[in-house]
């Protein structure tokens, strides 16, 4: 993700896209750990160091875009 006016990328923990037919969600942290079950602690730390604990939500129906930290995201998704 790139924020408007920024040249640096943000690597989020997840991205959710809401549409009329439902929601599509990519959880990049879980996907990486599932694909690398034998990763060393150093490899895990290197991966996590590049990720932000941010969750992006896009609503294609209303056009809304949100970015939330993990605490707020988890309290809303319960």
Protein backbone atom coordinates (compact mmCIF):
# COMPACT_ATOMS: atom_id res chain seq x y z
CA UNK A 1 0.00 0.00 0.00
CA UNK A 2 1.08 3.53 -0.67
CA UNK A 3 -0.59 6.44 1.02
CA UNK A 4 -1.46 9.36 -1.21
CA UNK A 5 1.53 11.64 -1.55
CA UNK A 6 3.96 9.10 -0.09
CA UNK A 7 6.79 7.32 -1.86
CA UNK A 8 7.26 4.59 0.76
CA UNK A 9 5.17 1.43 0.99
CA UNK A 10 3.24 0.22 4.03
CA UNK A 11 2.97 -3.54 4.42
CA UNK A 12 -0.23 -4.17 6.42
CA UNK A 13 -1.18 -7.18 8.52
CA UNK A 14 -4.40 -7.61 6.53
CA UNK A 15 -6.63 -6.12 3.87
CA UNK A 16 -10.41 -6.61 3.78
CA UNK A 17 -12.54 -5.65 0.78
CA UNK A 18 -16.32 -5.39 1.27
CA UNK A 19 -18.53 -5.83 -1.80
CA UNK A 20 -22.22 -6.52 -2.44
CA UNK A 21 -21.49 -10.26 -2.56
CA UNK A 22 -19.51 -10.42 0.68
CA UNK A 23 -16.06 -9.75 2.04
CA UNK A 24 -12.66 -10.86 0.80
CA UNK A 25 -9.88 -10.87 3.37
CA UNK A 26 -6.14 -11.37 3.06
CA UNK A 27 -4.27 -11.98 6.29
CA UNK A 28 -0.66 -11.62 5.23
CA UNK A 29 0.81 -12.64 8.58
CA UNK A 30 -1.13 -15.92 8.83
CA UNK A 31 -0.47 -16.70 5.16
CA UNK A 32 3.27 -16.22 5.59
CA UNK A 33 3.46 -18.40 8.72
CA UNK A 34 1.39 -21.13 7.03
CA UNK A 35 3.73 -21.07 4.01
CA UNK A 36 6.88 -21.08 6.19
CA UNK A 37 6.18 -23.55 9.04
CA UNK A 38 9.89 -24.23 9.59
CA UNK A 39 11.02 -20.61 9.60
CA UNK A 40 13.66 -19.80 12.16
CA UNK A 41 13.06 -17.18 14.82
CA UNK A 42 15.33 -14.81 12.88
CA UNK A 43 13.31 -15.31 9.67
CA UNK A 44 10.06 -14.73 11.56
CA UNK A 45 11.44 -11.57 13.15
CA UNK A 46 12.68 -10.29 9.77
CA UNK A 47 9.25 -10.84 8.20
CA UNK A 48 7.36 -9.23 11.08
CA UNK A 49 9.74 -6.25 11.16
CA UNK A 50 8.55 -5.29 7.67
CA UNK A 51 4.84 -5.53 8.50
CA UNK A 52 2.79 -2.87 10.21
CA UNK A 53 0.16 -3.90 12.73
CA UNK A 54 -2.40 -2.11 10.57
CA UNK A 55 -5.55 -3.51 8.96
CA UNK A 56 -6.92 -1.81 5.86
CA UNK A 57 -10.63 -2.01 5.03
CA UNK A 58 -12.11 -0.96 1.70
CA UNK A 59 -15.84 -0.77 1.04
CA UNK A 60 -16.47 -0.95 -2.70
CA UNK A 61 -20.18 -0.27 -2.17
CA UNK A 62 -19.78 3.07 -0.36
CA UNK A 63 -16.21 3.96 -1.36
CA UNK A 64 -15.09 4.21 2.27
CA UNK A 65 -11.48 3.41 3.18
CA UNK A 66 -10.29 2.76 6.73
CA UNK A 67 -7.01 1.93 8.41
CA UNK A 68 -7.12 0.53 11.94
CA UNK A 69 -4.59 -0.64 14.45
CA UNK A 70 -4.87 -4.21 15.74
CA UNK A 71 -6.60 -3.33 19.04
CA UNK A 72 -9.45 -1.42 17.38
CA UNK A 73 -9.74 -3.95 14.54
CA UNK A 74 -9.98 -6.92 16.92
CA UNK A 75 -12.57 -5.20 19.13
CA UNK A 76 -14.78 -4.48 16.09
CA UNK A 77 -14.48 -7.96 14.60
CA UNK A 78 -15.56 -9.84 17.75
